[in-house]
Structure formats: C-alpha cells, structure tokens
C-alpha atoms as a PDB file:
ATOM      1  CA  MET A   1      -3.909  13.244  -4.941  1.00  0.00           C
ATOM      2  CA  MET A   2      -0.241  13.357  -3.941  1.00  0.00           C
ATOM      3  CA  ARG A   3       0.371  13.596  -0.176  1.00  0.00           C
ATOM      4  CA  LEU A   4       3.391  14.874   1.750  1.00  0.00           C
ATOM      5  CA  GLY A   5       4.606  12.335   4.265  1.00  0.00           C
ATOM      6  CA  MET A   6       7.653  11.431   6.313  1.00  0.00           C
ATOM      7  CA  LEU A   7       9.503   8.260   7.237  1.00  0.00           C
ATOM      8  CA  THR A   8       9.454   7.808  11.013  1.00  0.00           C
ATOM      9  CA  ALA A   9      12.909   6.180  11.241  1.00  0.00           C
ATOM     10  CA  CYS A  10      14.712   9.471  11.952  1.00  0.00           C
ATOM     11  CA  LEU A  11      13.052   9.654  15.412  1.00  0.00           C
ATOM     12  CA  PRO A  12      13.690   6.153  16.795  1.00  0.00           C
ATOM     13  CA  GLN A  13      13.300   7.095  20.458  1.00  0.00           C
ATOM     14  CA  TRP A  14       9.869   8.678  20.004  1.00  0.00           C
ATOM     15  CA  THR A  15       6.640   6.714  20.238  1.00  0.00           C
ATOM     16  CA  LEU A  16       4.522   6.512  17.119  1.00  0.00           C
ATOM     17  CA  ASP A  17       1.911   8.674  18.859  1.00  0.00           C
ATOM     18  CA  GLU A  18       4.542  11.361  19.483  1.00  0.00           C
ATOM     19  CA  VAL A  19       5.769  11.237  15.879  1.00  0.00           C
ATOM     20  CA  ALA A  20       2.218  11.419  14.542  1.00  0.00           C
ATOM     21  CA  GLY A  21       1.315  14.387  16.747  1.00  0.00           C
ATOM     22  CA  TRP A  22       4.431  16.296  15.676  1.00  0.00           C
ATOM     23  CA  ALA A  23       3.944  15.439  11.996  1.00  0.00           C
ATOM     24  CA  LYS A  24       0.339  16.638  11.930  1.00  0.00           C
ATOM     25  CA  ALA A  25       1.220  19.870  13.735  1.00  0.00           C
ATOM     26  CA  ASN A  26       4.001  20.578  11.247  1.00  0.00           C
ATOM     27  CA  GLY A  27       2.212  20.134   7.954  1.00  0.00           C
ATOM     28  CA  TYR A  28       2.659  16.456   7.136  1.00  0.00           C
ATOM     29  CA  GLU A  29      -0.220  14.328   5.884  1.00  0.00           C
ATOM     30  CA  ALA A  30       1.092  10.759   6.020  1.00  0.00           C
ATOM     31  CA  LEU A  31       3.589   8.538   7.803  1.00  0.00           C
ATOM     32  CA  GLU A  32       5.793   5.836   6.336  1.00  0.00           C
ATOM     33  CA  VAL A  33       6.163   3.805   9.521  1.00  0.00           C
ATOM     34  CA  ALA A  34       9.460   2.113  10.408  1.00  0.00           C
ATOM     35  CA  VAL A  35       8.828  -1.448  11.607  1.00  0.00           C
ATOM     36  CA  TRP A  36      12.233  -2.960  12.323  1.00  0.00           C
ATOM     37  CA  PRO A  37      12.042  -5.511  15.161  1.00  0.00           C
ATOM     38  CA  ARG A  38      14.336  -3.330  17.282  1.00  0.00           C
ATOM     39  CA  THR A  39      16.178  -0.023  17.126  1.00  0.00           C
ATOM     40  CA  GLY A  40      19.942   0.376  16.957  1.00  0.00           C
ATOM     41  CA  GLY A  41      21.179  -2.127  14.394  1.00  0.00           C
ATOM     42  CA  ARG A  42      22.300   0.834  12.285  1.00  0.00           C
ATOM     43  CA  ASP A  43      21.410   4.482  11.927  1.00  0.00           C
ATOM     44  CA  PHE A  44      18.045   5.452  10.476  1.00  0.00           C
ATOM     45  CA  GLU A  45      15.953   2.515  11.602  1.00  0.00           C
ATOM     46  CA  ALA A  46      13.224   2.355  14.213  1.00  0.00           C
ATOM     47  CA  ALA A  47      10.669  -0.003  15.742  1.00  0.00           C
ATOM     48  CA  HIS A  48       7.490   2.061  15.764  1.00  0.00           C
ATOM     49  CA  LEU A  49       4.988  -0.811  15.544  1.00  0.00           C
ATOM     50  CA  PRO A  50       5.362  -4.363  16.936  1.00  0.00           C
ATOM     51  CA  VAL A  51       4.446  -6.123  13.697  1.00  0.00           C
ATOM     52  CA  ALA A  52       5.775  -9.493  14.908  1.00  0.00           C
ATOM     53  CA  ASP A  53       3.134  -9.476  17.655  1.00  0.00           C
ATOM     54  CA  PHE A  54       0.265  -7.656  16.038  1.00  0.00           C
ATOM     55  CA  GLY A  55      -3.069  -8.816  17.298  1.00  0.00           C
ATOM     56  CA  PRO A  56      -6.575  -7.290  17.189  1.00  0.00           C
ATOM     57  CA  GLN A  57      -5.776  -4.885  20.029  1.00  0.00           C
ATOM     58  CA  GLN A  58      -2.748  -3.473  18.179  1.00  0.00           C
ATOM     59  CA  VAL A  59      -4.807  -3.171  14.995  1.00  0.00           C
ATOM     60  CA  ASP A  60      -7.540  -1.191  16.757  1.00  0.00           C
ATOM     61  CA  GLU A  61      -5.101   1.034  18.641  1.00  0.00           C
ATOM     62  CA  THR A  62      -3.133   1.836  15.492  1.00  0.00           C
ATOM     63  CA  LYS A  63      -6.244   2.670  13.487  1.00  0.00           C
ATOM     64  CA  GLN A  64      -7.464   4.924  16.288  1.00  0.00           C
ATOM     65  CA  LEU A  65      -4.071   6.645  16.501  1.00  0.00           C
ATOM     66  CA  PHE A  66      -4.092   7.573  12.811  1.00  0.00           C
ATOM     67  CA  GLU A  67      -7.753   8.620  12.921  1.00  0.00           C
ATOM     68  CA  ARG A  68      -7.077  10.796  15.967  1.00  0.00           C
ATOM     69  CA  HIS A  69      -4.227  12.607  14.247  1.00  0.00           C
ATOM     70  CA  GLY A  70      -5.882  12.750  10.828  1.00  0.00           C
ATOM     71  CA  LEU A  71      -2.962  11.094   9.056  1.00  0.00           C
ATOM     72  CA  GLU A  72      -2.603   8.390   6.410  1.00  0.00           C
ATOM     73  CA  LEU A  73      -0.377   5.364   6.980  1.00  0.00           C
ATOM     74  CA  SER A  74       1.266   5.264   3.571  1.00  0.00           C
ATOM     75  CA  ALA A  75       3.592   2.269   3.929  1.00  0.00           C
ATOM     76  CA  PHE A  76       5.628   0.135   6.302  1.00  0.00           C
ATOM     77  CA  ALA A  77       9.415   0.441   6.117  1.00  0.00           C
ATOM     78  CA  TYR A  78      11.644  -2.569   6.776  1.00  0.00           C
ATOM     79  CA  TYR A  79      14.704  -2.125   4.598  1.00  0.00           C
ATOM     80  CA  GLU A  80      16.935  -5.159   5.001  1.00  0.00           C
ATOM     81  CA  ASN A  81      19.001  -7.530   2.859  1.00  0.00           C
ATOM     82  CA  ASN A  82      16.773 -10.248   1.423  1.00  0.00           C
ATOM     83  CA  LEU A  83      19.801 -11.936  -0.185  1.00  0.00           C
ATOM     84  CA  HIS A  84      21.978 -11.908   2.940  1.00  0.00           C
ATOM     85  CA  PRO A  85      24.830 -14.460   2.684  1.00  0.00           C
ATOM     86  CA  ASP A  86      24.200 -15.860   6.182  1.00  0.00           C
ATOM     87  CA  PRO A  87      21.263 -18.289   5.842  1.00  0.00           C
ATOM     88  CA  ALA A  88      20.151 -17.757   9.448  1.00  0.00           C
ATOM     89  CA  ARG A  89      20.160 -13.969   9.119  1.00  0.00           C
ATOM     90  CA  ARG A  90      18.387 -14.183   5.770  1.00  0.00           C
ATOM     91  CA  GLU A  91      15.644 -16.272   7.348  1.00  0.00           C
ATOM     92  CA  GLU A  92      15.244 -13.772  10.203  1.00  0.00           C
ATOM     93  CA  ILE A  93      14.787 -10.998   7.656  1.00  0.00           C
ATOM     94  CA  ARG A  94      12.375 -13.067   5.594  1.00  0.00           C
ATOM     95  CA  THR A  95      10.291 -13.923   8.654  1.00  0.00           C
ATOM     96  CA  HIS A  96      10.070 -10.317   9.840  1.00  0.00           C
ATOM     97  CA  LEU A  97       9.190  -9.114   6.354  1.00  0.00           C
ATOM     98  CA  LYS A  98       6.281 -11.564   6.378  1.00  0.00           C
ATOM     99  CA  HIS A  99       5.195 -10.242   9.785  1.00  0.00           C
ATOM    100  CA  SER A 100       5.257  -6.752   8.263  1.00  0.00           C
ATOM    101  CA  ILE A 101       3.097  -7.926   5.370  1.00  0.00           C
ATOM    102  CA  ASP A 102       0.608  -9.577   7.736  1.00  0.00           C
ATOM    103  CA  ALA A 103       0.311  -6.392   9.810  1.00  0.00           C
ATOM    104  CA  ALA A 104      -0.101  -4.321   6.635  1.00  0.00           C
ATOM    105  CA  GLN A 105      -2.962  -6.568   5.565  1.00  0.00           C
ATOM    106  CA  ALA A 106      -4.635  -6.188   8.962  1.00  0.00           C
ATOM    107  CA  LEU A 107      -4.434  -2.389   8.770  1.00  0.00           C
ATOM    108  CA  GLY A 108      -5.190  -2.020   5.077  1.00  0.00           C
ATOM    109  CA  VAL A 109      -1.713  -0.596   4.383  1.00  0.00           C
ATOM    110  CA  PRO A 110      -1.026  -1.013   0.658  1.00  0.00           C
ATOM    111  CA  TYR A 111       2.787  -1.152   0.644  1.00  0.00           C
ATOM    112  CA  VAL A 112       5.676  -2.693   2.551  1.00  0.00           C
ATOM    113  CA  GLY A 113       9.123  -1.337   1.708  1.00  0.00           C
ATOM    114  CA  THR A 114      12.265  -3.455   1.587  1.00  0.00           C
ATOM    115  CA  PHE A 115      15.527  -3.953  -0.307  1.00  0.00           C
ATOM    116  CA  ILE A 116      16.520  -6.622  -2.785  1.00  0.00           C
ATOM    117  CA  GLY A 117      19.927  -6.725  -1.118  1.00  0.00           C
ATOM    118  CA  ARG A 118      22.921  -8.768  -2.192  1.00  0.00           C
ATOM    119  CA  ASP A 119      25.142 -11.663  -1.153  1.00  0.00           C
ATOM    120  CA  TRP A 120      28.411  -9.712  -1.266  1.00  0.00           C
ATOM    121  CA  THR A 121      30.446 -12.942  -1.481  1.00  0.00           C
ATOM    122  CA  LYS A 122      29.010 -13.672  -4.940  1.00  0.00           C
ATOM    123  CA  SER A 123      28.904 -12.017  -8.335  1.00  0.00           C
ATOM    124  CA  VAL A 124      26.032  -9.862  -9.512  1.00  0.00           C
ATOM    125  CA  ALA A 125      25.032 -12.555 -12.016  1.00  0.00           C
ATOM    126  CA  ASP A 126      24.869 -15.186  -9.276  1.00  0.00           C
ATOM    127  CA  ASN A 127      22.830 -12.831  -7.098  1.00  0.00           C
ATOM    128  CA  LEU A 128      20.310 -12.207  -9.849  1.00  0.00           C
ATOM    129  CA  ALA A 129      19.921 -15.943 -10.339  1.00  0.00           C
ATOM    130  CA  GLU A 130      19.444 -16.416  -6.582  1.00  0.00           C
ATOM    131  CA  GLY A 131      16.953 -13.565  -6.505  1.00  0.00           C
ATOM    132  CA  GLN A 132      14.895 -15.149  -9.226  1.00  0.00           C
ATOM    133  CA  ARG A 133      14.866 -18.353  -7.172  1.00  0.00           C
ATOM    134  CA  VAL A 134      13.914 -16.990  -3.739  1.00  0.00           C
ATOM    135  CA  LEU A 135      12.215 -13.606  -4.110  1.00  0.00           C
ATOM    136  CA  PRO A 136       9.012 -14.458  -6.026  1.00  0.00           C
ATOM    137  CA  GLU A 137       7.732 -16.359  -2.989  1.00  0.00           C
ATOM    138  CA  LEU A 138       7.809 -13.121  -0.988  1.00  0.00           C
ATOM    139  CA  VAL A 139       6.034 -11.222  -3.748  1.00  0.00           C
ATOM    140  CA  ASP A 140       3.377 -13.927  -3.884  1.00  0.00           C
ATOM    141  CA  TYR A 141       2.989 -13.911  -0.096  1.00  0.00           C
ATOM    142  CA  ALA A 142       2.344 -10.179  -0.189  1.00  0.00           C
ATOM    143  CA  GLY A 143       0.057 -10.331  -3.211  1.00  0.00           C
ATOM    144  CA  GLU A 144      -2.127 -12.975  -1.627  1.00  0.00           C
ATOM    145  CA  ARG A 145      -2.705 -10.495   1.208  1.00  0.00           C
ATOM    146  CA  GLY A 146      -3.428  -7.486  -0.983  1.00  0.00           C
ATOM    147  CA  VAL A 147      -0.046  -5.876  -0.323  1.00  0.00           C
ATOM    148  CA  LYS A 148       2.635  -4.707  -2.772  1.00  0.00           C
ATOM    149  CA  LEU A 149       6.335  -4.977  -1.965  1.00  0.00           C
ATOM    150  CA  ILE A 150       8.102  -1.725  -2.819  1.00  0.00           C
ATOM    151  CA  VAL A 151      11.875  -1.536  -3.143  1.00  0.00           C
ATOM    152  CA  GLU A 152      13.915   1.607  -2.517  1.00  0.00           C
ATOM    153  CA  ASN A 153      16.642   2.193  -5.091  1.00  0.00           C
ATOM    154  CA  CYS A 154      19.342   2.841  -2.477  1.00  0.00           C
ATOM    155  CA  VAL A 155      22.821   1.632  -3.458  1.00  0.00           C
ATOM    156  CA  MET A 156      23.618   0.419   0.094  1.00  0.00           C
ATOM    157  CA  GLU A 157      27.335   0.591  -0.622  1.00  0.00           C
ATOM    158  CA  GLY A 158      28.129   0.183   3.091  1.00  0.00           C
ATOM    159  CA  TRP A 159      26.916  -3.422   2.938  1.00  0.00           C
ATOM    160  CA  HIS A 160      29.746  -4.372   0.557  1.00  0.00           C
ATOM    161  CA  PRO A 161      33.293  -4.727   1.951  1.00  0.00           C
ATOM    162  CA  ASP A 162      34.688  -2.697  -0.966  1.00  0.00           C
ATOM    163  CA  GLY A 163      31.900  -0.122  -1.134  1.00  0.00           C
ATOM    164  CA  TYR A 164      30.231  -1.559  -4.217  1.00  0.00           C
ATOM    165  CA  PRO A 165      26.427  -1.774  -4.531  1.00  0.00           C
ATOM    166  CA  GLY A 166      24.879  -3.860  -1.771  1.00  0.00           C
ATOM    167  CA  ASN A 167      21.289  -3.555  -3.012  1.00  0.00           C
ATOM    168  CA  LEU A 168      20.690  -4.762  -6.562  1.00  0.00           C
ATOM    169  CA  ALA A 169      17.952  -2.227  -7.247  1.00  0.00           C
ATOM    170  CA  TYR A 170      19.973   0.931  -7.841  1.00  0.00           C
ATOM    171  CA  SER A 171      19.513   1.433 -11.605  1.00  0.00           C
ATOM    172  CA  PRO A 172      16.687   1.308 -14.152  1.00  0.00           C
ATOM    173  CA  GLU A 173      18.336  -1.750 -15.690  1.00  0.00           C
ATOM    174  CA  LEU A 174      17.931  -3.575 -12.382  1.00  0.00           C
ATOM    175  CA  TRP A 175      14.465  -2.118 -11.823  1.00  0.00           C
ATOM    176  CA  GLU A 176      13.293  -3.851 -14.980  1.00  0.00           C
ATOM    177  CA  TRP A 177      14.643  -7.128 -13.633  1.00  0.00           C
ATOM    178  CA  MET A 178      12.917  -6.753 -10.255  1.00  0.00           C
ATOM    179  CA  PHE A 179       9.679  -5.581 -11.882  1.00  0.00           C
ATOM    180  CA  SER A 180       9.666  -8.871 -13.778  1.00  0.00           C
ATOM    181  CA  LEU A 181       9.559 -10.582 -10.368  1.00  0.00           C
ATOM    182  CA  GLY A 182       6.566  -8.502  -9.259  1.00  0.00           C
ATOM    183  CA  PHE A 183       8.154  -5.749  -7.157  1.00  0.00           C
ATOM    184  CA  TYR A 184       7.241  -2.062  -7.273  1.00  0.00           C
ATOM    185  CA  LEU A 185       9.418   0.984  -6.633  1.00  0.00           C
ATOM    186  CA  ASN A 186       9.785   3.339  -3.688  1.00  0.00           C
ATOM    187  CA  TRP A 187      11.543   5.897  -5.876  1.00  0.00           C
ATOM    188  CA  ASP A 188      14.275   8.068  -4.311  1.00  0.00           C
ATOM    189  CA  PRO A 189      16.074  10.682  -6.453  1.00  0.00           C
ATOM    190  CA  SER A 190      19.047  11.180  -4.130  1.00  0.00           C
ATOM    191  CA  HIS A 191      20.644   7.814  -4.921  1.00  0.00           C
ATOM    192  CA  LEU A 192      20.187   8.267  -8.654  1.00  0.00           C
ATOM    193  CA  THR A 193      21.833  11.694  -8.520  1.00  0.00           C
ATOM    194  CA  TRP A 194      25.138  10.609  -7.006  1.00  0.00           C
ATOM    195  CA  ILE A 195      25.544   7.610  -9.317  1.00  0.00           C
ATOM    196  CA  GLY A 196      25.154   9.881 -12.339  1.00  0.00           C
ATOM    197  CA  ILE A 197      21.565   9.176 -13.384  1.00  0.00           C
ATOM    198  CA  ASP A 198      19.181  12.096 -13.955  1.00  0.00           C
ATOM    199  CA  PRO A 199      16.309  11.228 -11.598  1.00  0.00           C
ATOM    200  CA  VAL A 200      13.740  13.282 -13.522  1.00  0.00           C
ATOM    201  CA  GLU A 201      14.362  11.217 -16.655  1.00  0.00           C
ATOM    202  CA  THR A 202      13.539   7.975 -14.810  1.00  0.00           C
ATOM    203  CA  ILE A 203       9.985   8.979 -13.905  1.00  0.00           C
ATOM    204  CA  ALA A 204       8.168   8.732 -17.229  1.00  0.00           C
ATOM    205  CA  PRO A 205       9.454   5.284 -18.299  1.00  0.00           C
ATOM    206  CA  TYR A 206       8.565   3.669 -14.965  1.00  0.00           C
ATOM    207  CA  ALA A 207       5.579   5.715 -13.820  1.00  0.00           C
ATOM    208  CA  ASP A 208       3.346   2.650 -13.585  1.00  0.00           C
ATOM    209  CA  ARG A 209       5.724   1.097 -11.027  1.00  0.00           C
ATOM    210  CA  ILE A 210       6.475   4.199  -8.948  1.00  0.00           C
ATOM    211  CA  VAL A 211       3.728   3.852  -6.336  1.00  0.00           C
ATOM    212  CA  HIS A 212       5.501   5.545  -3.423  1.00  0.00           C
ATOM    213  CA  ALA A 213       8.395   8.022  -3.387  1.00  0.00           C
ATOM    214  CA  GLN A 214      10.969   9.155  -0.867  1.00  0.00           C
ATOM    215  CA  ALA A 215      12.103  12.752  -0.665  1.00  0.00           C
ATOM    216  CA  LYS A 216      15.786  12.876   0.159  1.00  0.00           C
ATOM    217  CA  ASP A 217      18.358  15.260  -1.274  1.00  0.00           C
ATOM    218  CA  VAL A 218      22.096  14.844  -1.888  1.00  0.00           C
ATOM    219  CA  GLU A 219      24.964  17.310  -1.861  1.00  0.00           C
ATOM    220  CA  LEU A 220      27.873  16.524  -4.194  1.00  0.00           C
ATOM    221  CA  ASN A 221      31.446  17.778  -3.809  1.00  0.00           C
ATOM    222  CA  PRO A 222      33.265  17.424  -7.165  1.00  0.00           C
ATOM    223  CA  ALA A 223      36.594  18.561  -5.661  1.00  0.00           C
ATOM    224  CA  ASP A 224      36.612  15.600  -3.290  1.00  0.00           C
ATOM    225  CA  ARG A 225      35.474  13.286  -6.087  1.00  0.00           C
ATOM    226  CA  ASN A 226      38.603  14.357  -7.983  1.00  0.00           C
ATOM    227  CA  ARG A 227      40.651  12.888  -5.118  1.00  0.00           C
ATOM    228  CA  TYR A 228      38.726   9.711  -4.336  1.00  0.00           C
ATOM    229  CA  GLY A 229      37.026   8.886  -7.626  1.00  0.00           C
ATOM    230  CA  PHE A 230      33.422   7.878  -8.115  1.00  0.00           C
ATOM    231  CA  PHE A 231      33.755   4.807  -5.863  1.00  0.00           C
ATOM    232  CA  GLY A 232      34.762   6.941  -2.896  1.00  0.00           C
ATOM    233  CA  LYS A 233      37.372   6.548  -0.189  1.00  0.00           C
ATOM    234  CA  VAL A 234      39.391   3.367   0.040  1.00  0.00           C
ATOM    235  CA  ASP A 235      39.977   3.886   3.759  1.00  0.00           C
ATOM    236  CA  LYS A 236      36.589   4.650   5.303  1.00  0.00           C
ATOM    237  CA  GLY A 237      37.810   4.224   8.869  1.00  0.00           C
ATOM    238  CA  GLU A 238      35.023   3.189  11.206  1.00  0.00           C
ATOM    239  CA  ASN A 239      32.244   4.332   8.872  1.00  0.00           C
ATOM    240  CA  PRO A 240      31.613   2.060   5.856  1.00  0.00           C
ATOM    241  CA  TRP A 241      29.118   4.629   4.520  1.00  0.00           C
ATOM    242  CA  ASP A 242      31.626   7.489   4.228  1.00  0.00           C
ATOM    243  CA  MET A 243      32.222   7.836   0.497  1.00  0.00           C
ATOM    244  CA  GLY A 244      34.013  11.124   1.020  1.00  0.00           C
ATOM    245  CA  TRP A 245      32.548  13.191  -1.824  1.00  0.00           C
ATOM    246  CA  TRP A 246      28.790  13.383  -1.216  1.00  0.00           C
ATOM    247  CA  ARG A 247      26.339  13.416   1.663  1.00  0.00           C
ATOM    248  CA  TYR A 248      22.584  13.229   2.086  1.00  0.00           C
ATOM    249  CA  ARG A 249      20.630  16.420   2.802  1.00  0.00           C
ATOM    250  CA  VAL A 250      17.003  17.256   3.502  1.00  0.00           C
ATOM    251  CA  PRO A 251      15.054  18.445   0.425  1.00  0.00           C
ATOM    252  CA  GLY A 252      16.097  21.906  -0.669  1.00  0.00           C
ATOM    253  CA  LEU A 253      19.708  21.715   0.546  1.00  0.00           C
ATOM    254  CA  GLY A 254      21.225  19.581  -2.197  1.00  0.00           C
ATOM    255  CA  GLN A 255      21.330  19.106  -5.955  1.00  0.00           C
ATOM    256  CA  VAL A 256      17.881  17.563  -6.586  1.00  0.00           C
ATOM    257  CA  ASP A 257      15.539  19.826  -8.590  1.00  0.00           C
ATOM    258  CA  TRP A 258      12.385  19.399  -6.502  1.00  0.00           C
ATOM    259  CA  PRO A 259      10.039  21.599  -8.571  1.00  0.00           C
ATOM    260  CA  LYS A 260      10.914  19.563 -11.649  1.00  0.00           C
ATOM    261  CA  VAL A 261      10.647  16.242  -9.763  1.00  0.00           C
ATOM    262  CA  VAL A 262       7.201  17.001  -8.352  1.00  0.00           C
ATOM    263  CA  ASP A 263       5.983  18.429 -11.647  1.00  0.00           C
ATOM    264  CA  ARG A 264       7.088  15.314 -13.541  1.00  0.00           C
ATOM    265  CA  LEU A 265       5.463  13.042 -10.963  1.00  0.00           C
ATOM    266  CA  TYR A 266       2.193  14.947 -11.426  1.00  0.00           C
ATOM    267  CA  GLU A 267       2.554  14.843 -15.205  1.00  0.00           C
ATOM    268  CA  HIS A 268       2.719  11.075 -15.158  1.00  0.00           C
ATOM    269  CA  GLY A 269      -0.147  10.489 -12.766  1.00  0.00           C
ATOM    270  CA  PHE A 270       1.570   9.867  -9.433  1.00  0.00           C
ATOM    271  CA  THR A 271      -1.060   9.907  -6.682  1.00  0.00           C
ATOM    272  CA  GLY A 272       0.949   8.338  -3.867  1.00  0.00           C
ATOM    273  CA  THR A 273       2.913   9.720  -0.948  1.00  0.00           C
ATOM    274  CA  LEU A 274       6.104  11.747  -1.263  1.00  0.00           C
ATOM    275  CA  SER A 275       7.752  10.734   2.001  1.00  0.00           C
ATOM    276  CA  VAL A 276      10.621  12.746   3.496  1.00  0.00           C
ATOM    277  CA  GLU A 277      13.511  10.483   4.489  1.00  0.00           C
ATOM    278  CA  HIS A 278      15.723  12.504   6.837  1.00  0.00           C
ATOM    279  CA  GLU A 279      19.371  11.347   6.865  1.00  0.00           C
ATOM    280  CA  ASP A 280      20.968  14.808   6.805  1.00  0.00           C
ATOM    281  CA  PRO A 281      24.068  14.924   9.059  1.00  0.00           C
ATOM    282  CA  VAL A 282      23.911  18.721   9.320  1.00  0.00           C
ATOM    283  CA  TRP A 283      20.364  18.588  10.715  1.00  0.00           C
ATOM    284  CA  GLY A 284      20.936  15.527  12.854  1.00  0.00           C
ATOM    285  CA  GLY A 285      22.393  14.472  16.171  1.00  0.00           C
ATOM    286  CA  ASP A 286      19.536  15.410  18.487  1.00  0.00           C
ATOM    287  CA  ASP A 287      15.766  15.681  18.328  1.00  0.00           C
ATOM    288  CA  GLU A 288      15.725  19.475  18.034  1.00  0.00           C
ATOM    289  CA  ARG A 289      17.963  19.496  14.972  1.00  0.00           C
ATOM    290  CA  ILE A 290      16.201  16.491  13.409  1.00  0.00           C
ATOM    291  CA  THR A 291      12.805  18.143  13.699  1.00  0.00           C
ATOM    292  CA  GLN A 292      14.208  21.394  12.334  1.00  0.00           C
ATOM    293  CA  GLY A 293      15.455  19.437   9.324  1.00  0.00           C
ATOM    294  CA  LEU A 294      11.980  18.020   8.855  1.00  0.00           C
ATOM    295  CA  ARG A 295      10.583  21.559   8.965  1.00  0.00           C
ATOM    296  CA  ILE A 296      13.039  22.634   6.253  1.00  0.00           C
ATOM    297  CA  ALA A 297      11.917  19.695   4.115  1.00  0.00           C
ATOM    298  CA  GLN A 298       8.253  20.534   4.669  1.00  0.00           C
ATOM    299  CA  ARG A 299       8.785  24.189   3.725  1.00  0.00           C
ATOM    300  CA  THR A 300      10.597  23.107   0.560  1.00  0.00           C
ATOM    301  CA  LEU A 301       8.027  20.578  -0.643  1.00  0.00           C
ATOM    302  CA  ARG A 302       4.656  21.799   0.642  1.00  0.00           C
ATOM    303  CA  PRO A 303       4.344  24.684  -1.873  1.00  0.00           C
ATOM    304  CA  LEU A 304       4.890  22.221  -4.725  1.00  0.00           C
ATOM    305  CA  ILE A 305       2.051  19.856  -3.786  1.00  0.00           C
ATOM    306  CA  VAL A 306      -1.446  20.680  -4.922  1.00  0.00           C
ATOM    307  CA  GLY A 307      -4.168  20.750  -2.266  1.00  0.00           C
END
C-alpha cells in the first residue's frame, strides 16, 4: 500500500526525534532520512543519522524511535556526485555512500538514494563510459547487503559551470542506461516537468524500477523563459541554481497534476512511499514557514492516497 512520507532534509537543525514527532502529528506515515555526514554543504541536506559511526546502540535507538512514533523508515537520502572530477572528493562520497548502505542493512531499510552525478570537465559519452567502469561496484556492494540503490532524476544543473545537467539520470534515455547497471529510480515529477517531459507518461514504461517516489512540484514562468531560453540565465550571480524561469514548489502549488500522478502510480502497482521533498522558496526561510509548506503538501496529497 502506498504511504505518504517526507524527506527530512528540509529541517536540518531538528533532531530526527523532533522531525518524527512532527511528521506523525501532521499526517505523515514515513520518513526518507537525510544522512549526509554534516549539514551546510548546500541547501536541502541534513545529517539526521550518524551512519559513518553506526553501532548496535544506534541501531537499537533508531528502531525504538520509529516504533515509538509509528512511522516507517522508507529510505536513506545521500544525494552526491558519484562521478566527481576530484578523485579525493569522489572517494569521500563513495565511502560515505557505503556507510549509508551498511546502516541501511543494519536497520532493514530497503533503499539508499544517491545521484549518478557527472565529471563536468568531460563529455557525456566519457562520463557514461566512466560510470560503467566504476558504478557497478557500488550496486554490487548494496546488493550483497540486501539494499537497492535508488537514483533521483534531478538535473543538478548547478553542478555544471554552464548550467548543463550535472546528474546523468535526468531522462528516460539515461534511466535505461543506469538500469542496465542495476540502479533503481527515486522518481520525481518536478524535474521532468521543467525539461519538457510529461511525468505521467514515464510511469508505465518504468513501473518495475520506480520503487520510491518524491513529491515535489514546479512552477514555470513562460514569460521569463522567453527572455532566458530553456537553459536559463547566463549570469546567475551568486546562485548557480537560479535558472530564472522556474522554481520548485510544494505539491499543489505548481504545474504537476497530482491526482493523475497518484492514479497512474496506483494503476501500475506502486506500493512504495511518496515522499514530500520540500524545496519551496515561498514556504521556506524559517521553521514555521517550512512546516506550513509541509502541511500544504500533506493536505494536497493525503486525499489521493488510499487507506
């Protein structure tokens, strides 16, 4: 049965116990837990479990926390660049991803979320060849521990100096490539919408690989797109993520057709977690506005989910 969950990364200063208590009291059923090694590298990341130092005591305490609040732990979230051009940074990411997998095994968490990423100094073709060389080892490491690696289809344009895709998992064409390596999909309709792909039409062909989904909306401004073009602003100032013609919103405040999305997921047998990923700048900036945004998302999605 589909569950309504939320990604904890939007509340980086809260403890996991505080997030869980709020989520349960406000109609959520599951948490996608952010497990970065620290908070503050960029917006929308958090360190809610110490997976790099996760012994029997942490396992017991975490299980008790989720039992106490009556919530599921749907997945771990550590979305970083597994093809980073700096070998030392790539190894740091690889090591922490393995820590996340080990902790997931200890807790019985089925999924760990990550990105494919990209070496932005090389061509797409060279990146795909490098991915085929280095990524299967991570998939195997997870599989040997009963864990699936799920990749979010975020474009991550801010990782590229010219605003081009920084995560080679943004389109169904690339999904098919990463599926061949053993990855699964943490499907997010917001990214598909702004790059011109109808998200609803991507569900049926890949239903067997969509094992977790993120609920994020997107608001498009065609008038601004007429000025900047699809690829967005040339001069992004201090914010490499400012494309200038679209912005993320919580579900219900953008262009995504949520009744159709949820209906199509049900039609094709999705039984995982639909996890709200809150990156809405209107409902951001402080805890009160962030939690109000999460309430808006819950009110939008809860009536659509059976049970």
